[in-house]
C-alpha atoms as a PDB file:
ATOM      1  CA  UNK A   1      80.255  40.083 -96.019  1.00  0.00           C
ATOM      2  CA  UNK A   2      79.934  36.480 -94.827  1.00  0.00           C
ATOM      3  CA  UNK A   3      81.647  35.510 -91.565  1.00  0.00           C
ATOM      4  CA  UNK A   4      85.181  34.104 -91.775  1.00  0.00           C
ATOM      5  CA  UNK A   5      84.413  31.727 -88.917  1.00  0.00           C
ATOM      6  CA  UNK A   6      81.217  30.353 -87.446  1.00  0.00           C
ATOM      7  CA  UNK A   7      80.063  33.074 -85.081  1.00  0.00           C
ATOM      8  CA  UNK A   8      76.593  31.692 -84.409  1.00  0.00           C
ATOM      9  CA  UNK A   9      75.676  28.001 -84.447  1.00  0.00           C
ATOM     10  CA  UNK A  10      72.351  27.336 -86.093  1.00  0.00           C
ATOM     11  CA  UNK A  11      70.528  24.030 -85.775  1.00  0.00           C
ATOM     12  CA  UNK A  12      67.221  22.432 -86.695  1.00  0.00           C
ATOM     13  CA  UNK A  13      64.518  23.262 -84.161  1.00  0.00           C
ATOM     14  CA  UNK A  14      61.856  20.855 -85.479  1.00  0.00           C
ATOM     15  CA  UNK A  15      62.880  17.358 -84.405  1.00  0.00           C
ATOM     16  CA  UNK A  16      60.980  14.210 -83.437  1.00  0.00           C
ATOM     17  CA  UNK A  17      60.089  13.741 -79.785  1.00  0.00           C
ATOM     18  CA  UNK A  18      62.820  11.929 -77.878  1.00  0.00           C
ATOM     19  CA  UNK A  19      65.574  12.768 -80.346  1.00  0.00           C
ATOM     20  CA  UNK A  20      69.103  13.191 -79.031  1.00  0.00           C
ATOM     21  CA  UNK A  21      71.798  15.462 -80.391  1.00  0.00           C
ATOM     22  CA  UNK A  22      75.363  14.256 -80.899  1.00  0.00           C
ATOM     23  CA  UNK A  23      77.740  17.089 -81.811  1.00  0.00           C
ATOM     24  CA  UNK A  24      80.465  15.517 -83.955  1.00  0.00           C
ATOM     25  CA  UNK A  25      82.424  18.633 -84.970  1.00  0.00           C
ATOM     26  CA  UNK A  26      82.270  22.077 -83.392  1.00  0.00           C
ATOM     27  CA  UNK A  27      85.044  24.083 -85.031  1.00  0.00           C
ATOM     28  CA  UNK A  28      85.559  27.605 -86.308  1.00  0.00           C
ATOM     29  CA  UNK A  29      84.822  26.556 -89.875  1.00  0.00           C
ATOM     30  CA  UNK A  30      82.379  23.656 -89.478  1.00  0.00           C
ATOM     31  CA  UNK A  31      79.594  22.453 -87.193  1.00  0.00           C
ATOM     32  CA  UNK A  32      78.366  18.879 -87.654  1.00  0.00           C
ATOM     33  CA  UNK A  33      75.621  17.328 -85.577  1.00  0.00           C
ATOM     34  CA  UNK A  34      73.850  13.972 -85.785  1.00  0.00           C
ATOM     35  CA  UNK A  35      70.375  13.412 -84.403  1.00  0.00           C
ATOM     36  CA  UNK A  36      69.304  10.027 -83.067  1.00  0.00           C
ATOM     37  CA  UNK A  37      66.152   8.361 -81.873  1.00  0.00           C
ATOM     38  CA  UNK A  38      67.381   5.399 -79.889  1.00  0.00           C
ATOM     39  CA  UNK A  39      70.256   3.895 -81.883  1.00  0.00           C
ATOM     40  CA  UNK A  40      69.026   5.183 -85.251  1.00  0.00           C
ATOM     41  CA  UNK A  41      70.703   8.229 -86.726  1.00  0.00           C
ATOM     42  CA  UNK A  42      67.922   9.935 -88.681  1.00  0.00           C
ATOM     43  CA  UNK A  43      69.509  13.309 -89.563  1.00  0.00           C
ATOM     44  CA  UNK A  44      73.000  14.656 -90.104  1.00  0.00           C
ATOM     45  CA  UNK A  45      73.188  18.449 -90.138  1.00  0.00           C
ATOM     46  CA  UNK A  46      76.167  20.573 -91.210  1.00  0.00           C
ATOM     47  CA  UNK A  47      76.740  24.299 -90.965  1.00  0.00           C
ATOM     48  CA  UNK A  48      79.724  25.504 -92.991  1.00  0.00           C
ATOM     49  CA  UNK A  49      81.396  28.707 -94.036  1.00  0.00           C
ATOM     50  CA  UNK A  50      80.132  29.943 -97.394  1.00  0.00           C
ATOM     51  CA  UNK A  51      83.383  29.211 -99.209  1.00  0.00           C
ATOM     52  CA  UNK A  52      83.579  25.623 -97.866  1.00  0.00           C
ATOM     53  CA  UNK A  53      83.809  22.592-100.083  1.00  0.00           C
ATOM     54  CA  UNK A  54      80.551  20.743 -99.434  1.00  0.00           C
ATOM     55  CA  UNK A  55      81.785  17.558-101.054  1.00  0.00           C
ATOM     56  CA  UNK A  56      81.291  15.688-104.288  1.00  0.00           C
ATOM     57  CA  UNK A  57      77.685  14.782-104.997  1.00  0.00           C
ATOM     58  CA  UNK A  58      78.092  13.287-108.461  1.00  0.00           C
ATOM     59  CA  UNK A  59      76.754   9.922-109.419  1.00  0.00           C
ATOM     60  CA  UNK A  60      74.594   8.112-111.917  1.00  0.00           C
ATOM     61  CA  UNK A  61      71.881   7.417-109.381  1.00  0.00           C
ATOM     62  CA  UNK A  62      71.392  10.988-108.106  1.00  0.00           C
ATOM     63  CA  UNK A  63      68.396  13.166-108.934  1.00  0.00           C
ATOM     64  CA  UNK A  64      68.798  16.905-108.308  1.00  0.00           C
ATOM     65  CA  UNK A  65      65.713  19.038-107.714  1.00  0.00           C
ATOM     66  CA  UNK A  66      65.712  22.784-107.090  1.00  0.00           C
ATOM     67  CA  UNK A  67      63.519  24.018-104.232  1.00  0.00           C
ATOM     68  CA  UNK A  68      63.265  26.811-101.670  1.00  0.00           C
ATOM     69  CA  UNK A  69      64.177  26.674 -97.994  1.00  0.00           C
ATOM     70  CA  UNK A  70      62.557  29.806 -96.625  1.00  0.00           C
ATOM     71  CA  UNK A  71      63.655  32.600 -98.990  1.00  0.00           C
ATOM     72  CA  UNK A  72      66.771  30.720-100.124  1.00  0.00           C
ATOM     73  CA  UNK A  73      67.321  28.575-103.208  1.00  0.00           C
ATOM     74  CA  UNK A  74      68.241  25.018-102.329  1.00  0.00           C
ATOM     75  CA  UNK A  75      69.115  21.750-104.034  1.00  0.00           C
ATOM     76  CA  UNK A  76      67.582  18.424-103.081  1.00  0.00           C
ATOM     77  CA  UNK A  77      69.804  15.484-104.006  1.00  0.00           C
ATOM     78  CA  UNK A  78      68.145  12.082-103.916  1.00  0.00           C
ATOM     79  CA  UNK A  79      70.201   8.909-104.259  1.00  0.00           C
ATOM     80  CA  UNK A  80      68.063   6.013-105.442  1.00  0.00           C
ATOM     81  CA  UNK A  81      70.329   3.123-104.413  1.00  0.00           C
ATOM     82  CA  UNK A  82      70.947   4.208-100.823  1.00  0.00           C
ATOM     83  CA  UNK A  83      67.642   6.079-100.386  1.00  0.00           C
ATOM     84  CA  UNK A  84      69.795   8.956 -99.141  1.00  0.00           C
ATOM     85  CA  UNK A  85      68.471  12.517 -99.394  1.00  0.00           C
ATOM     86  CA  UNK A  86      70.487  15.732 -99.031  1.00  0.00           C
ATOM     87  CA  UNK A  87      69.354  19.338 -99.014  1.00  0.00           C
ATOM     88  CA  UNK A  88      72.019  21.987 -99.643  1.00  0.00           C
ATOM     89  CA  UNK A  89      71.396  25.716 -99.250  1.00  0.00           C
ATOM     90  CA  UNK A  90      72.857  28.947 -97.941  1.00  0.00           C
ATOM     91  CA  UNK A  91      71.487  32.128 -96.430  1.00  0.00           C
ATOM     92  CA  UNK A  92      74.336  34.409 -97.634  1.00  0.00           C
ATOM     93  CA  UNK A  93      76.011  33.980 -94.222  1.00  0.00           C
ATOM     94  CA  UNK A  94      76.517  30.232 -93.949  1.00  0.00           C
ATOM     95  CA  UNK A  95      76.092  27.110 -96.064  1.00  0.00           C
ATOM     96  CA  UNK A  96      73.963  24.253 -94.763  1.00  0.00           C
ATOM     97  CA  UNK A  97      73.623  20.583 -95.536  1.00  0.00           C
ATOM     98  CA  UNK A  98      71.045  18.257 -94.045  1.00  0.00           C
ATOM     99  CA  UNK A  99      70.754  14.580 -94.905  1.00  0.00           C
ATOM    100  CA  UNK A 100      68.660  11.579 -93.992  1.00  0.00           C
ATOM    101  CA  UNK A 101      67.858   8.051 -95.073  1.00  0.00           C
ATOM    102  CA  UNK A 102      64.808   7.617 -92.875  1.00  0.00           C
ATOM    103  CA  UNK A 103      62.866  10.873 -93.298  1.00  0.00           C
ATOM    104  CA  UNK A 104      60.688  11.567 -96.314  1.00  0.00           C
ATOM    105  CA  UNK A 105      61.566  14.479 -98.602  1.00  0.00           C
ATOM    106  CA  UNK A 106      58.705  16.538 -97.141  1.00  0.00           C
ATOM    107  CA  UNK A 107      59.850  15.838 -93.573  1.00  0.00           C
ATOM    108  CA  UNK A 108      63.450  16.731 -94.445  1.00  0.00           C
ATOM    109  CA  UNK A 109      62.294  20.021 -95.992  1.00  0.00           C
ATOM    110  CA  UNK A 110      60.360  20.871 -92.801  1.00  0.00           C
ATOM    111  CA  UNK A 111      63.435  20.161 -90.664  1.00  0.00           C
ATOM    112  CA  UNK A 112      65.630  22.252 -92.979  1.00  0.00           C
ATOM    113  CA  UNK A 113      63.149  25.141 -92.785  1.00  0.00           C
ATOM    114  CA  UNK A 114      63.371  24.991 -88.977  1.00  0.00           C
ATOM    115  CA  UNK A 115      67.120  25.786 -88.880  1.00  0.00           C
ATOM    116  CA  UNK A 116      67.615  28.878 -86.699  1.00  0.00           C
END
């Protein structure tokens, strides 16, 4: 059975040299962290409870691609206009969301796979 509150915070472990972590929300039901190099925010990472609403990702300019993060099915959402990329997945304990404008899809996948 999935946890009813976040019992263990998981975060990306593969990050660019010199990156700084800014924890925005550290609550029982949600952990949100932004990663910066200098003044540029290059990744936003969220860890949520499995039953959480991850938001509305509809839009005419979004492309959804199925992929794997480790052994888990994931969805890659790419927004053409903003060049924003999201990866959404879960590991049957928690749901995760990672997003970036500056990283390539391949780089974002590598960072997502490093979440521990």
